[in-house]
Amino acid sequence: MTRLSHFARIAGALAVAVTLNLTQPAIAHETIAGDLTIGHPYARPNLPNRPSAAYLSISNDGEAPDRLIAADSEAFGTIEIHTVEETNGVMKMLKIEGIDVPPGDTALLEPGGFHLMLFDAAQTFKIGDHFDATLTFEKAGDVTVTFMVEKPAAGSKSAAHSGHGAKGHSSGTHSGHGSGN
């Protein structure tokens, strides 16, 4: 193979790679609602008849606190706000009433902490799919965001969390904290 044809093959492969990347949806995305910025809402693929989880960040650039109090989507029968707590060496997921977002702070909904539990999916969501959900805040009101369905990162805590069943769920209430504890 000549040196010129070798470079032509590489250039062709790069052109294909760039084209494929341009057709993929943008992974990092955000929604601004008043003083709140909802950053990178994403969910894990779900298995049939199994719940999944969704994550995002909520930044409050205002001077007053706000609180995420509910979430809803036509794509799911129920969405609950959850956290993970350790009790006697056992990690449990607990339903909570909301997540505080203090002024000048960011609440993180991430694997191993606060998250949205997605129950009774209308369909099986695969990597690359997306769905809309409405987040309800005490002050900002209803904010509709688009969640991208993404693959769990290798070795991430969410890889095991993404398709869990009802076992380990407890019903309980307690106040969330904006720091993502």
Protein backbone atom coordinates (compact mmCIF):
# COMPACT_ATOMS: atom_id res chain seq x y z
CA MET A 1 0.00 0.00 0.00
CA THR A 2 1.36 3.40 -0.88
CA ARG A 3 1.76 6.07 1.70
CA LEU A 4 -0.83 8.27 -0.08
CA SER A 5 -3.48 5.52 -0.11
CA HIS A 6 -2.81 4.83 3.58
CA PHE A 7 -3.49 8.50 4.41
CA ALA A 8 -6.56 8.49 2.15
CA ARG A 9 -7.98 5.52 4.10
CA ILE A 10 -7.33 7.26 7.41
CA ALA A 11 -8.93 10.48 6.15
CA GLY A 12 -11.96 8.52 4.96
CA ALA A 13 -12.31 6.77 8.30
CA LEU A 14 -12.07 10.10 10.12
CA ALA A 15 -14.75 11.61 7.86
CA VAL A 16 -17.10 8.72 8.66
CA ALA A 17 -16.39 9.04 12.40
CA VAL A 18 -17.07 12.79 12.35
CA THR A 19 -20.31 12.27 10.42
CA LEU A 20 -21.50 9.60 12.87
CA ASN A 21 -20.70 11.84 15.84
CA LEU A 22 -22.68 14.72 14.32
CA THR A 23 -25.77 12.54 14.00
CA GLN A 24 -25.73 11.52 17.68
CA PRO A 25 -27.90 13.56 20.07
CA ALA A 26 -26.09 16.00 22.31
CA ILE A 27 -25.39 14.25 25.59
CA ALA A 28 -24.83 17.28 27.82
CA HIS A 29 -27.92 19.44 27.92
CA GLU A 30 -29.65 21.77 30.35
CA THR A 31 -32.92 23.57 30.94
CA ILE A 32 -33.18 26.98 32.60
CA ALA A 33 -36.30 27.90 34.57
CA GLY A 34 -36.01 31.23 36.35
CA ASP A 35 -33.16 30.93 38.86
CA LEU A 36 -32.86 27.16 38.41
CA THR A 37 -30.68 25.33 35.90
CA ILE A 38 -31.46 21.65 35.42
CA GLY A 39 -28.31 20.06 34.06
CA HIS A 40 -27.84 16.86 32.10
CA PRO A 41 -31.05 14.93 32.84
CA TYR A 42 -30.44 11.30 31.93
CA ALA A 43 -31.87 7.86 32.68
CA ARG A 44 -30.63 4.33 32.42
CA PRO A 45 -32.11 1.81 30.00
CA ASN A 46 -34.90 -0.17 31.60
CA LEU A 47 -35.78 -3.84 31.54
CA PRO A 48 -39.39 -4.87 30.88
CA ASN A 49 -41.51 -4.72 34.05
CA ARG A 50 -38.61 -3.34 36.11
CA PRO A 51 -38.06 0.18 37.42
CA SER A 52 -35.16 2.32 36.34
CA ALA A 53 -33.47 5.44 37.69
CA ALA A 54 -32.92 8.97 36.41
CA TYR A 55 -30.37 11.57 37.40
CA LEU A 56 -29.67 15.29 36.95
CA SER A 57 -28.32 18.35 38.71
CA ILE A 58 -30.33 21.36 39.91
CA SER A 59 -28.44 24.61 40.41
CA ASN A 60 -30.07 27.56 42.15
CA ASP A 61 -28.57 30.89 41.08
CA GLY A 62 -31.24 32.89 42.91
CA GLU A 63 -31.45 34.33 46.40
CA ALA A 64 -34.34 32.18 47.62
CA PRO A 65 -34.36 28.44 48.30
CA ASP A 66 -36.46 26.08 46.21
CA ARG A 67 -37.38 22.43 46.51
CA LEU A 68 -38.01 19.61 44.03
CA ILE A 69 -41.27 18.08 45.26
CA ALA A 70 -42.50 15.85 42.43
CA ALA A 71 -41.86 14.47 38.95
CA ASP A 72 -44.26 13.11 36.35
CA SER A 73 -44.07 11.75 32.82
CA GLU A 74 -46.44 10.15 30.33
CA ALA A 75 -43.61 7.64 29.74
CA PHE A 76 -43.97 6.20 33.29
CA GLY A 77 -46.86 5.30 35.56
CA THR A 78 -45.10 6.72 38.61
CA ILE A 79 -41.95 8.68 39.35
CA GLU A 80 -40.75 8.88 42.95
CA ILE A 81 -37.98 10.92 44.53
CA HIS A 82 -35.57 8.59 46.34
CA THR A 83 -32.36 8.63 48.30
CA VAL A 84 -29.97 5.93 49.45
CA GLU A 85 -29.16 5.53 53.14
CA GLU A 86 -27.08 3.11 55.12
CA THR A 87 -28.75 1.53 58.14
CA ASN A 88 -26.84 -1.04 60.20
CA GLY A 89 -24.45 -1.63 57.30
CA VAL A 90 -27.28 -2.18 54.78
CA MET A 91 -27.91 0.24 51.93
CA LYS A 92 -31.60 1.00 51.40
CA MET A 93 -33.47 3.16 48.95
CA LEU A 94 -36.05 5.39 50.57
CA LYS A 95 -38.83 7.44 49.07
CA ILE A 96 -38.54 11.06 50.20
CA GLU A 97 -40.85 14.08 49.97
CA GLY A 98 -38.43 16.38 48.21
CA ILE A 99 -34.92 17.71 47.68
CA ASP A 100 -33.91 21.16 48.91
CA VAL A 101 -32.00 23.43 46.55
CA PRO A 102 -30.55 26.29 48.63
CA PRO A 103 -29.62 29.57 46.94
CA GLY A 104 -26.16 29.47 45.40
CA ASP A 105 -26.01 25.68 45.68
CA THR A 106 -26.48 22.63 43.47
CA ALA A 107 -28.47 19.51 44.33
CA LEU A 108 -27.08 16.42 42.64
CA LEU A 109 -29.28 13.48 41.73
CA GLU A 110 -26.69 10.81 41.03
CA PRO A 111 -26.04 7.09 41.44
CA GLY A 112 -25.73 6.16 45.11
CA GLY A 113 -27.58 9.27 46.33
CA PHE A 114 -30.68 11.23 45.43
CA HIS A 115 -32.37 9.98 42.25
CA LEU A 116 -35.73 9.62 40.52
CA MET A 117 -37.19 6.11 40.45
CA LEU A 118 -39.11 5.41 37.25
CA PHE A 119 -41.90 2.83 37.60
CA ASP A 120 -44.27 1.21 35.09
CA ALA A 121 -42.63 2.33 31.85
CA ALA A 122 -44.87 2.67 28.82
CA GLN A 123 -42.10 1.07 26.74
CA THR A 124 -38.61 -0.35 27.02
CA PHE A 125 -36.16 2.53 26.74
CA LYS A 126 -32.86 1.79 25.04
CA ILE A 127 -29.64 3.77 24.81
CA GLY A 128 -30.22 6.77 22.56
CA ASP A 129 -33.94 7.06 23.36
CA HIS A 130 -35.34 10.03 25.24
CA PHE A 131 -38.49 11.03 27.11
CA ASP A 132 -39.94 14.18 28.60
CA ALA A 133 -40.77 14.58 32.28
CA THR A 134 -42.15 17.45 34.30
CA LEU A 135 -40.31 18.36 37.48
CA THR A 136 -42.37 20.25 40.06
CA PHE A 137 -40.68 22.78 42.34
CA GLU A 138 -42.24 24.65 45.27
CA LYS A 139 -41.32 28.08 43.83
CA ALA A 140 -40.33 27.56 40.19
CA GLY A 141 -43.42 25.43 39.51
CA ASP A 142 -43.51 22.90 36.68
CA VAL A 143 -40.45 22.55 34.46
CA THR A 144 -40.45 20.11 31.53
CA VAL A 145 -37.09 18.54 30.71
CA THR A 146 -35.92 15.91 28.24
CA PHE A 147 -34.11 12.90 29.70
CA MET A 148 -31.64 11.11 27.45
CA VAL A 149 -31.28 7.34 27.94
CA GLU A 150 -27.61 6.52 28.42
CA LYS A 151 -25.46 3.49 29.13
CA PRO A 152 -24.12 3.16 32.68
CA ALA A 153 -20.41 3.91 32.86
CA ALA A 154 -18.30 0.80 33.36
CA GLY A 155 -17.85 0.12 37.06
CA SER A 156 -20.31 2.84 38.09
CA LYS A 157 -22.63 2.35 41.03
CA SER A 158 -25.53 2.96 38.66
CA ALA A 159 -24.70 -0.02 36.49
CA ALA A 160 -26.07 -2.29 39.22
CA HIS A 161 -28.82 0.18 40.18
CA SER A 162 -30.40 0.62 36.77
CA GLY A 163 -32.68 -2.41 36.63
CA HIS A 164 -33.36 -3.20 40.25
CA GLY A 165 -36.71 -4.54 41.31
CA ALA A 166 -38.93 -3.68 44.23
CA LYS A 167 -36.71 -5.49 46.76
CA GLY A 168 -34.84 -3.13 48.98
CA HIS A 169 -37.40 -0.34 48.58
CA SER A 170 -38.74 1.06 51.77
CA SER A 171 -41.45 3.60 52.13
CA GLY A 172 -40.40 6.38 54.34
CA THR A 173 -40.17 10.10 54.35
CA HIS A 174 -37.50 12.51 55.26
CA SER A 175 -36.23 15.80 54.02
CA GLY A 176 -33.63 15.90 51.29
CA HIS A 177 -30.61 18.18 51.37
CA GLY A 178 -29.35 20.30 48.50
CA SER A 179 -25.78 19.19 49.00
CA GLY A 180 -26.46 15.74 47.57
CA ASN A 181 -25.69 13.87 50.80
